[in-house]
């Protein structure tokens, strides 16, 4: 597999792939020689910075087939896929960066990272990913693309792979190297008065993503299942405050030593948006009153599934001043 300006790559040649999958089978499906895959395969000789990736995909049932790109290694990469079983819904196309081997789609949700599209079940369709710097456009066939304005890993280039959760068929991978002109996408924006960083016990200050979400997957290996986070703030006068937040997976939120909230938000099915377990700003709210002085907001967060764990918090009040994210 060379790196010519244009390549058509045979993904059914298993001897030229790095296999990280439970299923890799060469077969004939819907009249085409194809790779039946569940998991990840990497094309070790293909390095892509700017360019276009196009692959034919078919799924006979629910599946999440897509393209991995700008791969640092088999555990850290950008990922975009289509969902035939949610065709026409808001998440038919999904951007889902993988950190330390964990998917994070519950953190990367909303119009900056998801888009509705018609994705056929049981028929071949084309998934296309155009990459330009730290931006990407993801489309099914000739439909309007999802444009990701800020790829989470921020790498300029990397390897390419194919990935799916639940089996799907892949064939006819084509690669065009060179810059692309991408349309404008939706920027992820943090809610008003959202925290931009937390102090993580044992690690230090951790900045949040552009949309205000703290992605613990970015910083922590999957062996760690619990995080203790703090952030101090100051108020000048007695004032009622409103704490709004979203989280995944299990959260205990405290103000000073007082428990304000405990709860669990995880994937519970495909019935509706609420069942997905997304980390969404403003999904929860708690009112509280504080006296003048410095106060300590703390969050104890636990992970119980592999779809992303983190939180987004905003504290609303006219006199609130956040202090630096340091131990205290």
C-alpha atoms as a PDB file:
ATOM      1  CA  UNK A   1       0.000   0.000   0.000  1.00  0.00           C
ATOM      2  CA  UNK A   2       1.807   3.082  -1.162  1.00  0.00           C
ATOM      3  CA  UNK A   3       1.120   6.714  -0.415  1.00  0.00           C
ATOM      4  CA  UNK A   4       0.399   7.949  -3.941  1.00  0.00           C
ATOM      5  CA  UNK A   5      -1.802  11.021  -4.371  1.00  0.00           C
ATOM      6  CA  UNK A   6      -4.740   8.667  -5.069  1.00  0.00           C
ATOM      7  CA  UNK A   7      -5.029   5.116  -3.735  1.00  0.00           C
ATOM      8  CA  UNK A   8      -7.637   2.396  -4.030  1.00  0.00           C
ATOM      9  CA  UNK A   9      -6.902  -0.034  -1.235  1.00  0.00           C
ATOM     10  CA  UNK A  10      -7.878  -3.685  -0.900  1.00  0.00           C
ATOM     11  CA  UNK A  11      -9.239  -4.069   2.641  1.00  0.00           C
ATOM     12  CA  UNK A  12      -9.833  -7.780   2.084  1.00  0.00           C
ATOM     13  CA  UNK A  13      -6.082  -8.530   2.103  1.00  0.00           C
ATOM     14  CA  UNK A  14      -5.826  -9.446   5.793  1.00  0.00           C
ATOM     15  CA  UNK A  15      -2.064  -9.952   5.545  1.00  0.00           C
ATOM     16  CA  UNK A  16      -1.631  -6.215   5.005  1.00  0.00           C
ATOM     17  CA  UNK A  17      -3.757  -5.096   7.938  1.00  0.00           C
ATOM     18  CA  UNK A  18      -3.041  -4.764  11.659  1.00  0.00           C
ATOM     19  CA  UNK A  19      -5.908  -6.642  13.281  1.00  0.00           C
ATOM     20  CA  UNK A  20      -7.451  -5.514  16.581  1.00  0.00           C
ATOM     21  CA  UNK A  21     -10.824  -7.143  16.089  1.00  0.00           C
ATOM     22  CA  UNK A  22     -12.951 -10.032  17.294  1.00  0.00           C
ATOM     23  CA  UNK A  23     -14.144 -10.709  13.718  1.00  0.00           C
ATOM     24  CA  UNK A  24     -12.169 -10.341  10.467  1.00  0.00           C
ATOM     25  CA  UNK A  25     -13.569 -12.473   7.661  1.00  0.00           C
ATOM     26  CA  UNK A  26     -13.254 -12.108   3.889  1.00  0.00           C
ATOM     27  CA  UNK A  27     -16.546 -12.945   2.219  1.00  0.00           C
ATOM     28  CA  UNK A  28     -18.923 -11.974  -0.578  1.00  0.00           C
ATOM     29  CA  UNK A  29     -21.809  -9.766   0.470  1.00  0.00           C
ATOM     30  CA  UNK A  30     -24.475  -8.168  -1.707  1.00  0.00           C
ATOM     31  CA  UNK A  31     -22.444  -8.998  -4.830  1.00  0.00           C
ATOM     32  CA  UNK A  32     -19.099  -7.594  -3.600  1.00  0.00           C
ATOM     33  CA  UNK A  33     -15.973  -9.084  -2.099  1.00  0.00           C
ATOM     34  CA  UNK A  34     -15.857  -7.545   1.354  1.00  0.00           C
ATOM     35  CA  UNK A  35     -14.313  -7.553   4.815  1.00  0.00           C
ATOM     36  CA  UNK A  36     -16.773  -8.614   7.503  1.00  0.00           C
ATOM     37  CA  UNK A  37     -15.513  -6.830  10.598  1.00  0.00           C
ATOM     38  CA  UNK A  38     -16.253  -6.324  14.250  1.00  0.00           C
ATOM     39  CA  UNK A  39     -13.594  -4.237  15.965  1.00  0.00           C
ATOM     40  CA  UNK A  40     -10.654  -2.301  14.495  1.00  0.00           C
ATOM     41  CA  UNK A  41      -8.232  -2.891  11.640  1.00  0.00           C
ATOM     42  CA  UNK A  42      -5.374  -0.500  10.832  1.00  0.00           C
ATOM     43  CA  UNK A  43      -3.733   0.072   7.447  1.00  0.00           C
ATOM     44  CA  UNK A  44      -0.117   0.313   8.645  1.00  0.00           C
ATOM     45  CA  UNK A  45       1.331   1.705   5.405  1.00  0.00           C
ATOM     46  CA  UNK A  46      -1.183   4.525   5.060  1.00  0.00           C
ATOM     47  CA  UNK A  47      -0.404   7.888   6.667  1.00  0.00           C
ATOM     48  CA  UNK A  48      -2.923  10.679   6.129  1.00  0.00           C
ATOM     49  CA  UNK A  49      -2.706  14.350   7.010  1.00  0.00           C
ATOM     50  CA  UNK A  50      -5.027  16.249   4.680  1.00  0.00           C
ATOM     51  CA  UNK A  51      -7.220  14.294   2.326  1.00  0.00           C
ATOM     52  CA  UNK A  52     -10.359  12.326   1.607  1.00  0.00           C
ATOM     53  CA  UNK A  53     -11.273   8.816   2.719  1.00  0.00           C
ATOM     54  CA  UNK A  54     -14.169   6.974   1.066  1.00  0.00           C
ATOM     55  CA  UNK A  55     -15.344   3.445   1.831  1.00  0.00           C
ATOM     56  CA  UNK A  56     -18.343   1.313   0.923  1.00  0.00           C
ATOM     57  CA  UNK A  57     -20.223  -0.069   3.943  1.00  0.00           C
ATOM     58  CA  UNK A  58     -23.150  -2.398   4.468  1.00  0.00           C
ATOM     59  CA  UNK A  59     -24.747  -3.487   7.749  1.00  0.00           C
ATOM     60  CA  UNK A  60     -27.386  -6.217   7.993  1.00  0.00           C
ATOM     61  CA  UNK A  61     -28.473  -5.120  11.480  1.00  0.00           C
ATOM     62  CA  UNK A  62     -27.723  -2.494  14.129  1.00  0.00           C
ATOM     63  CA  UNK A  63     -24.058  -1.438  13.841  1.00  0.00           C
ATOM     64  CA  UNK A  64     -21.705   1.540  14.132  1.00  0.00           C
ATOM     65  CA  UNK A  65     -19.362   1.197  11.120  1.00  0.00           C
ATOM     66  CA  UNK A  66     -16.865   3.936  10.398  1.00  0.00           C
ATOM     67  CA  UNK A  67     -13.399   5.251   9.695  1.00  0.00           C
ATOM     68  CA  UNK A  68     -10.594   5.844  12.185  1.00  0.00           C
ATOM     69  CA  UNK A  69      -8.073   8.517  11.193  1.00  0.00           C
ATOM     70  CA  UNK A  70      -5.193  10.597  12.549  1.00  0.00           C
ATOM     71  CA  UNK A  71      -4.377   7.539  14.652  1.00  0.00           C
ATOM     72  CA  UNK A  72      -1.586   7.878  17.222  1.00  0.00           C
ATOM     73  CA  UNK A  73      -1.932   4.159  18.019  1.00  0.00           C
ATOM     74  CA  UNK A  74      -4.598   1.473  18.390  1.00  0.00           C
ATOM     75  CA  UNK A  75      -5.983   3.132  21.530  1.00  0.00           C
ATOM     76  CA  UNK A  76      -6.010   6.828  20.541  1.00  0.00           C
ATOM     77  CA  UNK A  77      -7.562   8.189  17.359  1.00  0.00           C
ATOM     78  CA  UNK A  78     -10.305  10.224  15.719  1.00  0.00           C
ATOM     79  CA  UNK A  79     -13.373   8.200  14.781  1.00  0.00           C
ATOM     80  CA  UNK A  80     -16.459   8.912  12.695  1.00  0.00           C
ATOM     81  CA  UNK A  81     -19.209   6.449  11.864  1.00  0.00           C
ATOM     82  CA  UNK A  82     -22.762   6.035  10.563  1.00  0.00           C
ATOM     83  CA  UNK A  83     -25.622   4.294  12.361  1.00  0.00           C
ATOM     84  CA  UNK A  84     -28.107   2.555  10.039  1.00  0.00           C
ATOM     85  CA  UNK A  85     -30.385   1.680  12.970  1.00  0.00           C
ATOM     86  CA  UNK A  86     -30.855   5.396  13.807  1.00  0.00           C
ATOM     87  CA  UNK A  87     -31.283   6.507  10.194  1.00  0.00           C
ATOM     88  CA  UNK A  88     -33.009   9.889  10.047  1.00  0.00           C
ATOM     89  CA  UNK A  89     -32.329  10.679  13.700  1.00  0.00           C
ATOM     90  CA  UNK A  90     -29.956  13.279  15.166  1.00  0.00           C
ATOM     91  CA  UNK A  91     -27.127  10.741  15.693  1.00  0.00           C
ATOM     92  CA  UNK A  92     -27.152   8.875  12.360  1.00  0.00           C
ATOM     93  CA  UNK A  93     -23.651  10.342  11.850  1.00  0.00           C
ATOM     94  CA  UNK A  94     -21.447  10.473  14.959  1.00  0.00           C
ATOM     95  CA  UNK A  95     -17.986  11.871  15.713  1.00  0.00           C
ATOM     96  CA  UNK A  96     -16.497   9.841  18.584  1.00  0.00           C
ATOM     97  CA  UNK A  97     -12.818  10.403  19.496  1.00  0.00           C
ATOM     98  CA  UNK A  98     -11.203   7.430  21.215  1.00  0.00           C
ATOM     99  CA  UNK A  99      -8.911   8.020  24.204  1.00  0.00           C
ATOM    100  CA  UNK A 100      -7.007   5.218  25.951  1.00  0.00           C
ATOM    101  CA  UNK A 101      -9.153   2.688  24.103  1.00  0.00           C
ATOM    102  CA  UNK A 102     -12.462   4.178  25.274  1.00  0.00           C
ATOM    103  CA  UNK A 103     -15.205   5.656  23.118  1.00  0.00           C
ATOM    104  CA  UNK A 104     -16.528   9.048  24.223  1.00  0.00           C
ATOM    105  CA  UNK A 105     -19.742   9.671  22.280  1.00  0.00           C
ATOM    106  CA  UNK A 106     -21.673  10.502  25.457  1.00  0.00           C
ATOM    107  CA  UNK A 107     -19.357  13.514  25.877  1.00  0.00           C
ATOM    108  CA  UNK A 108     -19.260  14.548  22.217  1.00  0.00           C
ATOM    109  CA  UNK A 109     -22.952  15.032  21.511  1.00  0.00           C
ATOM    110  CA  UNK A 110     -25.115  17.745  20.000  1.00  0.00           C
ATOM    111  CA  UNK A 111     -24.960  19.491  16.612  1.00  0.00           C
ATOM    112  CA  UNK A 112     -21.181  20.046  16.773  1.00  0.00           C
ATOM    113  CA  UNK A 113     -20.592  16.286  16.789  1.00  0.00           C
ATOM    114  CA  UNK A 114     -23.747  14.590  15.446  1.00  0.00           C
ATOM    115  CA  UNK A 115     -25.949  14.938  12.382  1.00  0.00           C
ATOM    116  CA  UNK A 116     -29.104  13.423  10.950  1.00  0.00           C
ATOM    117  CA  UNK A 117     -28.760  11.467   7.708  1.00  0.00           C
ATOM    118  CA  UNK A 118     -30.448   8.701   5.767  1.00  0.00           C
ATOM    119  CA  UNK A 119     -28.335   5.563   6.303  1.00  0.00           C
ATOM    120  CA  UNK A 120     -29.693   2.435   4.621  1.00  0.00           C
ATOM    121  CA  UNK A 121     -29.876  -0.930   6.374  1.00  0.00           C
ATOM    122  CA  UNK A 122     -28.943  -3.987   4.332  1.00  0.00           C
ATOM    123  CA  UNK A 123     -27.679  -1.932   1.374  1.00  0.00           C
ATOM    124  CA  UNK A 124     -24.272  -0.582   0.407  1.00  0.00           C
ATOM    125  CA  UNK A 125     -23.643   3.095   1.125  1.00  0.00           C
ATOM    126  CA  UNK A 126     -20.573   5.296   0.976  1.00  0.00           C
ATOM    127  CA  UNK A 127     -19.077   6.895   4.068  1.00  0.00           C
ATOM    128  CA  UNK A 128     -16.790   9.816   3.278  1.00  0.00           C
ATOM    129  CA  UNK A 129     -14.430  11.651   5.618  1.00  0.00           C
ATOM    130  CA  UNK A 130     -12.618  14.798   4.432  1.00  0.00           C
ATOM    131  CA  UNK A 131      -9.807  15.906   6.729  1.00  0.00           C
ATOM    132  CA  UNK A 132      -8.185  19.333   6.707  1.00  0.00           C
ATOM    133  CA  UNK A 133      -5.910  20.125   9.641  1.00  0.00           C
ATOM    134  CA  UNK A 134      -7.929  19.801  12.840  1.00  0.00           C
ATOM    135  CA  UNK A 135     -11.272  19.893  10.986  1.00  0.00           C
ATOM    136  CA  UNK A 136     -13.205  17.101   9.322  1.00  0.00           C
ATOM    137  CA  UNK A 137     -16.379  16.650   7.267  1.00  0.00           C
ATOM    138  CA  UNK A 138     -18.260  13.341   7.491  1.00  0.00           C
ATOM    139  CA  UNK A 139     -20.987  12.393   5.016  1.00  0.00           C
ATOM    140  CA  UNK A 140     -23.118   9.464   3.872  1.00  0.00           C
ATOM    141  CA  UNK A 141     -23.378   9.262   0.092  1.00  0.00           C
ATOM    142  CA  UNK A 142     -24.028  12.791  -1.255  1.00  0.00           C
ATOM    143  CA  UNK A 143     -25.924  14.119   1.767  1.00  0.00           C
ATOM    144  CA  UNK A 144     -24.880  17.291   3.646  1.00  0.00           C
ATOM    145  CA  UNK A 145     -21.917  16.532   5.901  1.00  0.00           C
ATOM    146  CA  UNK A 146     -21.343  16.769   9.611  1.00  0.00           C
ATOM    147  CA  UNK A 147     -18.470  19.261   9.924  1.00  0.00           C
ATOM    148  CA  UNK A 148     -16.368  18.891  13.065  1.00  0.00           C
ATOM    149  CA  UNK A 149     -14.679  22.231  13.654  1.00  0.00           C
ATOM    150  CA  UNK A 150     -12.153  21.057  16.262  1.00  0.00           C
ATOM    151  CA  UNK A 151     -10.951  17.454  16.263  1.00  0.00           C
ATOM    152  CA  UNK A 152     -10.306  16.413  19.845  1.00  0.00           C
ATOM    153  CA  UNK A 153      -6.829  14.912  19.490  1.00  0.00           C
ATOM    154  CA  UNK A 154      -5.444  17.866  17.568  1.00  0.00           C
ATOM    155  CA  UNK A 155      -2.949  15.766  15.563  1.00  0.00           C
ATOM    156  CA  UNK A 156      -1.911  16.936  12.110  1.00  0.00           C
ATOM    157  CA  UNK A 157      -1.706  13.400  10.672  1.00  0.00           C
ATOM    158  CA  UNK A 158      -1.762   9.725  11.540  1.00  0.00           C
ATOM    159  CA  UNK A 159      -2.665   6.221  10.420  1.00  0.00           C
ATOM    160  CA  UNK A 160      -6.029   5.170   9.026  1.00  0.00           C
ATOM    161  CA  UNK A 161      -8.264   2.281  10.045  1.00  0.00           C
ATOM    162  CA  UNK A 162     -11.739   0.803   9.790  1.00  0.00           C
ATOM    163  CA  UNK A 163     -13.849   0.290  12.916  1.00  0.00           C
ATOM    164  CA  UNK A 164     -17.246  -0.993  13.896  1.00  0.00           C
ATOM    165  CA  UNK A 165     -19.089  -1.998  17.000  1.00  0.00           C
ATOM    166  CA  UNK A 166     -21.340  -4.898  15.937  1.00  0.00           C
ATOM    167  CA  UNK A 167     -20.575  -6.533  12.582  1.00  0.00           C
ATOM    168  CA  UNK A 168     -20.553  -4.698   9.275  1.00  0.00           C
ATOM    169  CA  UNK A 169     -19.092  -5.167   5.788  1.00  0.00           C
ATOM    170  CA  UNK A 170     -16.444  -2.919   4.184  1.00  0.00           C
ATOM    171  CA  UNK A 171     -14.993  -2.724   0.678  1.00  0.00           C
ATOM    172  CA  UNK A 172     -13.493  -0.320  -1.873  1.00  0.00           C
ATOM    173  CA  UNK A 173     -11.543   2.025   0.395  1.00  0.00           C
ATOM    174  CA  UNK A 174     -10.263   4.977  -1.600  1.00  0.00           C
ATOM    175  CA  UNK A 175      -7.851   7.653  -0.438  1.00  0.00           C
ATOM    176  CA  UNK A 176      -7.094  11.013  -2.015  1.00  0.00           C
ATOM    177  CA  UNK A 177      -4.199  12.940  -0.476  1.00  0.00           C
ATOM    178  CA  UNK A 178      -4.191  16.719  -0.474  1.00  0.00           C
ATOM    179  CA  UNK A 179      -5.963  19.693   1.074  1.00  0.00           C
ATOM    180  CA  UNK A 180      -9.751  19.971   1.077  1.00  0.00           C
ATOM    181  CA  UNK A 181     -12.010  22.999   1.376  1.00  0.00           C
ATOM    182  CA  UNK A 182     -14.625  22.212   4.025  1.00  0.00           C
ATOM    183  CA  UNK A 183     -17.878  24.058   4.682  1.00  0.00           C
ATOM    184  CA  UNK A 184     -18.472  25.715   8.039  1.00  0.00           C
ATOM    185  CA  UNK A 185     -19.718  23.587  10.904  1.00  0.00           C
ATOM    186  CA  UNK A 186     -21.244  24.209  14.314  1.00  0.00           C
ATOM    187  CA  UNK A 187     -18.866  25.303  17.059  1.00  0.00           C
ATOM    188  CA  UNK A 188     -19.194  23.697  20.463  1.00  0.00           C
ATOM    189  CA  UNK A 189     -19.726  26.496  22.994  1.00  0.00           C
ATOM    190  CA  UNK A 190     -19.675  26.361  26.771  1.00  0.00           C
ATOM    191  CA  UNK A 191     -22.757  27.470  28.732  1.00  0.00           C
ATOM    192  CA  UNK A 192     -22.738  30.853  30.446  1.00  0.00           C
ATOM    193  CA  UNK A 193     -20.587  30.874  33.629  1.00  0.00           C
ATOM    194  CA  UNK A 194     -19.388  27.316  33.026  1.00  0.00           C
ATOM    195  CA  UNK A 195     -16.240  26.010  34.671  1.00  0.00           C
ATOM    196  CA  UNK A 196     -13.309  25.924  32.265  1.00  0.00           C
ATOM    197  CA  UNK A 197     -11.126  23.643  34.423  1.00  0.00           C
ATOM    198  CA  UNK A 198     -11.161  21.382  37.485  1.00  0.00           C
ATOM    199  CA  UNK A 199      -8.541  20.248  39.971  1.00  0.00           C
ATOM    200  CA  UNK A 200      -8.289  16.450  39.957  1.00  0.00           C
ATOM    201  CA  UNK A 201      -6.979  14.939  43.159  1.00  0.00           C
ATOM    202  CA  UNK A 202      -3.650  13.232  42.481  1.00  0.00           C
ATOM    203  CA  UNK A 203      -3.230  14.805  39.016  1.00  0.00           C
ATOM    204  CA  UNK A 204      -3.601  18.601  39.056  1.00  0.00           C
ATOM    205  CA  UNK A 205      -5.531  21.078  36.932  1.00  0.00           C
ATOM    206  CA  UNK A 206      -7.498  19.668  33.964  1.00  0.00           C
ATOM    207  CA  UNK A 207      -8.919  22.010  31.317  1.00  0.00           C
ATOM    208  CA  UNK A 208     -12.385  21.370  29.901  1.00  0.00           C
ATOM    209  CA  UNK A 209     -13.250  20.816  26.236  1.00  0.00           C
ATOM    210  CA  UNK A 210     -14.435  23.766  24.088  1.00  0.00           C
ATOM    211  CA  UNK A 211     -18.064  22.990  24.989  1.00  0.00           C
ATOM    212  CA  UNK A 212     -17.318  23.123  28.709  1.00  0.00           C
ATOM    213  CA  UNK A 213     -17.273  19.346  29.248  1.00  0.00           C
ATOM    214  CA  UNK A 214     -14.455  17.854  31.294  1.00  0.00           C
ATOM    215  CA  UNK A 215     -13.460  14.665  29.453  1.00  0.00           C
ATOM    216  CA  UNK A 216     -11.844  12.354  31.976  1.00  0.00           C
ATOM    217  CA  UNK A 217     -11.153   9.882  29.164  1.00  0.00           C
ATOM    218  CA  UNK A 218      -8.611  12.339  27.782  1.00  0.00           C
ATOM    219  CA  UNK A 219      -6.544  12.297  30.972  1.00  0.00           C
ATOM    220  CA  UNK A 220      -7.122   8.986  32.733  1.00  0.00           C
ATOM    221  CA  UNK A 221      -6.443   5.364  31.788  1.00  0.00           C
ATOM    222  CA  UNK A 222      -9.373   2.958  31.787  1.00  0.00           C
ATOM    223  CA  UNK A 223      -7.981   1.264  34.912  1.00  0.00           C
ATOM    224  CA  UNK A 224      -9.091   4.294  36.969  1.00  0.00           C
ATOM    225  CA  UNK A 225     -12.799   4.175  37.764  1.00  0.00           C
ATOM    226  CA  UNK A 226     -13.262   7.135  40.126  1.00  0.00           C
ATOM    227  CA  UNK A 227     -12.263  10.804  40.161  1.00  0.00           C
ATOM    228  CA  UNK A 228     -12.382  13.438  42.929  1.00  0.00           C
ATOM    229  CA  UNK A 229     -12.643  16.948  41.482  1.00  0.00           C
ATOM    230  CA  UNK A 230     -12.700  20.351  43.147  1.00  0.00           C
ATOM    231  CA  UNK A 231     -12.958  24.026  42.240  1.00  0.00           C
ATOM    232  CA  UNK A 232     -13.177  27.037  44.551  1.00  0.00           C
ATOM    233  CA  UNK A 233     -15.155  30.208  43.979  1.00  0.00           C
ATOM    234  CA  UNK A 234     -15.723  33.501  45.803  1.00  0.00           C
ATOM    235  CA  UNK A 235     -18.855  35.555  46.377  1.00  0.00           C
ATOM    236  CA  UNK A 236     -18.981  39.060  47.872  1.00  0.00           C
ATOM    237  CA  UNK A 237     -22.494  39.019  49.334  1.00  0.00           C
ATOM    238  CA  UNK A 238     -25.336  36.724  50.350  1.00  0.00           C
ATOM    239  CA  UNK A 239     -26.768  35.505  47.095  1.00  0.00           C
ATOM    240  CA  UNK A 240     -28.946  32.687  45.759  1.00  0.00           C
ATOM    241  CA  UNK A 241     -27.096  30.669  43.125  1.00  0.00           C
ATOM    242  CA  UNK A 242     -28.183  28.154  40.521  1.00  0.00           C
ATOM    243  CA  UNK A 243     -25.976  25.182  39.715  1.00  0.00           C
ATOM    244  CA  UNK A 244     -26.724  23.630  36.305  1.00  0.00           C
ATOM    245  CA  UNK A 245     -24.921  20.543  35.087  1.00  0.00           C
ATOM    246  CA  UNK A 246     -24.786  17.367  33.028  1.00  0.00           C
ATOM    247  CA  UNK A 247     -22.699  14.255  33.671  1.00  0.00           C
ATOM    248  CA  UNK A 248     -21.916  10.609  33.010  1.00  0.00           C
ATOM    249  CA  UNK A 249     -21.803   8.082  34.657  1.00  0.00           C
ATOM    250  CA  UNK A 250     -22.342   8.457  38.468  1.00  0.00           C
ATOM    251  CA  UNK A 251     -22.044  11.772  40.318  1.00  0.00           C
ATOM    252  CA  UNK A 252     -22.035  13.114  43.853  1.00  0.00           C
ATOM    253  CA  UNK A 253     -21.914  16.921  43.881  1.00  0.00           C
ATOM    254  CA  UNK A 254     -21.104  18.855  47.047  1.00  0.00           C
ATOM    255  CA  UNK A 255     -20.932  22.512  48.048  1.00  0.00           C
ATOM    256  CA  UNK A 256     -18.430  22.781  50.884  1.00  0.00           C
ATOM    257  CA  UNK A 257     -19.419  19.685  52.906  1.00  0.00           C
ATOM    258  CA  UNK A 258     -23.086  19.673  51.913  1.00  0.00           C
ATOM    259  CA  UNK A 259     -24.366  17.149  49.377  1.00  0.00           C
ATOM    260  CA  UNK A 260     -26.353  18.913  46.664  1.00  0.00           C
ATOM    261  CA  UNK A 261     -26.962  16.020  44.296  1.00  0.00           C
ATOM    262  CA  UNK A 262     -26.345  12.322  43.779  1.00  0.00           C
ATOM    263  CA  UNK A 263     -27.407  10.442  40.682  1.00  0.00           C
ATOM    264  CA  UNK A 264     -26.610   8.150  37.774  1.00  0.00           C
ATOM    265  CA  UNK A 265     -26.823   8.897  34.053  1.00  0.00           C
ATOM    266  CA  UNK A 266     -25.948   5.990  31.746  1.00  0.00           C
ATOM    267  CA  UNK A 267     -27.015   4.427  28.469  1.00  0.00           C
ATOM    268  CA  UNK A 268     -30.384   2.722  28.877  1.00  0.00           C
ATOM    269  CA  UNK A 269     -31.413   2.059  25.281  1.00  0.00           C
ATOM    270  CA  UNK A 270     -32.332   3.641  21.962  1.00  0.00           C
ATOM    271  CA  UNK A 271     -35.879   4.757  22.803  1.00  0.00           C
ATOM    272  CA  UNK A 272     -35.147   8.507  22.851  1.00  0.00           C
ATOM    273  CA  UNK A 273     -32.462  11.099  23.452  1.00  0.00           C
ATOM    274  CA  UNK A 274     -32.756  10.918  27.238  1.00  0.00           C
ATOM    275  CA  UNK A 275     -31.945   7.200  27.198  1.00  0.00           C
ATOM    276  CA  UNK A 276     -28.523   7.696  25.575  1.00  0.00           C
ATOM    277  CA  UNK A 277     -26.781   8.939  28.740  1.00  0.00           C
ATOM    278  CA  UNK A 278     -25.356  12.095  27.148  1.00  0.00           C
ATOM    279  CA  UNK A 279     -23.430  14.731  29.100  1.00  0.00           C
ATOM    280  CA  UNK A 280     -25.617  17.725  28.262  1.00  0.00           C
ATOM    281  CA  UNK A 281     -25.387  21.218  29.794  1.00  0.00           C
ATOM    282  CA  UNK A 282     -28.370  22.164  31.898  1.00  0.00           C
ATOM    283  CA  UNK A 283     -29.810  18.659  32.099  1.00  0.00           C
ATOM    284  CA  UNK A 284     -29.929  19.044  35.901  1.00  0.00           C
ATOM    285  CA  UNK A 285     -30.184  22.077  38.174  1.00  0.00           C
ATOM    286  CA  UNK A 286     -29.943  22.747  41.900  1.00  0.00           C
ATOM    287  CA  UNK A 287     -30.561  26.011  43.745  1.00  0.00           C
ATOM    288  CA  UNK A 288     -28.373  26.981  46.673  1.00  0.00           C
ATOM    289  CA  UNK A 289     -27.629  29.981  48.882  1.00  0.00           C
ATOM    290  CA  UNK A 290     -24.151  30.930  50.056  1.00  0.00           C
ATOM    291  CA  UNK A 291     -22.669  33.440  52.450  1.00  0.00           C
ATOM    292  CA  UNK A 292     -19.914  35.891  51.489  1.00  0.00           C
ATOM    293  CA  UNK A 293     -16.458  34.326  51.182  1.00  0.00           C
ATOM    294  CA  UNK A 294     -14.671  31.447  49.482  1.00  0.00           C
ATOM    295  CA  UNK A 295     -16.516  28.193  48.871  1.00  0.00           C
ATOM    296  CA  UNK A 296     -15.539  24.796  47.541  1.00  0.00           C
ATOM    297  CA  UNK A 297     -17.456  22.894  44.884  1.00  0.00           C
ATOM    298  CA  UNK A 298     -16.527  19.207  44.688  1.00  0.00           C
ATOM    299  CA  UNK A 299     -17.572  16.391  42.390  1.00  0.00           C
ATOM    300  CA  UNK A 300     -17.049  12.685  42.953  1.00  0.00           C
ATOM    301  CA  UNK A 301     -17.471  10.951  39.604  1.00  0.00           C
ATOM    302  CA  UNK A 302     -17.464   7.222  38.837  1.00  0.00           C
ATOM    303  CA  UNK A 303     -17.405   5.362  35.536  1.00  0.00           C
ATOM    304  CA  UNK A 304     -19.588   2.329  34.907  1.00  0.00           C
ATOM    305  CA  UNK A 305     -19.599   2.008  31.086  1.00  0.00           C
ATOM    306  CA  UNK A 306     -17.231   2.612  28.202  1.00  0.00           C
ATOM    307  CA  UNK A 307     -18.933   5.473  26.349  1.00  0.00           C
ATOM    308  CA  UNK A 308     -17.275   8.475  28.023  1.00  0.00           C
ATOM    309  CA  UNK A 309     -17.270   9.861  31.539  1.00  0.00           C
ATOM    310  CA  UNK A 310     -17.135  13.490  32.572  1.00  0.00           C
ATOM    311  CA  UNK A 311     -19.264  16.490  33.447  1.00  0.00           C
ATOM    312  CA  UNK A 312     -20.157  20.061  32.557  1.00  0.00           C
ATOM    313  CA  UNK A 313     -21.050  22.519  35.326  1.00  0.00           C
ATOM    314  CA  UNK A 314     -22.158  26.158  35.374  1.00  0.00           C
ATOM    315  CA  UNK A 315     -22.739  28.198  38.530  1.00  0.00           C
ATOM    316  CA  UNK A 316     -24.991  31.160  37.871  1.00  0.00           C
ATOM    317  CA  UNK A 317     -25.004  34.242  40.031  1.00  0.00           C
ATOM    318  CA  UNK A 318     -24.095  37.895  39.571  1.00  0.00           C
ATOM    319  CA  UNK A 319     -21.236  37.934  42.067  1.00  0.00           C
ATOM    320  CA  UNK A 320     -19.498  34.605  41.470  1.00  0.00           C
ATOM    321  CA  UNK A 321     -15.733  34.639  40.777  1.00  0.00           C
ATOM    322  CA  UNK A 322     -14.001  31.363  40.049  1.00  0.00           C
ATOM    323  CA  UNK A 323     -10.582  30.918  41.633  1.00  0.00           C
ATOM    324  CA  UNK A 324      -7.721  29.082  39.907  1.00  0.00           C
ATOM    325  CA  UNK A 325      -8.034  25.296  39.642  1.00  0.00           C
ATOM    326  CA  UNK A 326      -5.534  24.384  42.345  1.00  0.00           C
ATOM    327  CA  UNK A 327      -5.583  22.214  45.448  1.00  0.00           C
ATOM    328  CA  UNK A 328      -7.614  23.749  48.219  1.00  0.00           C
END
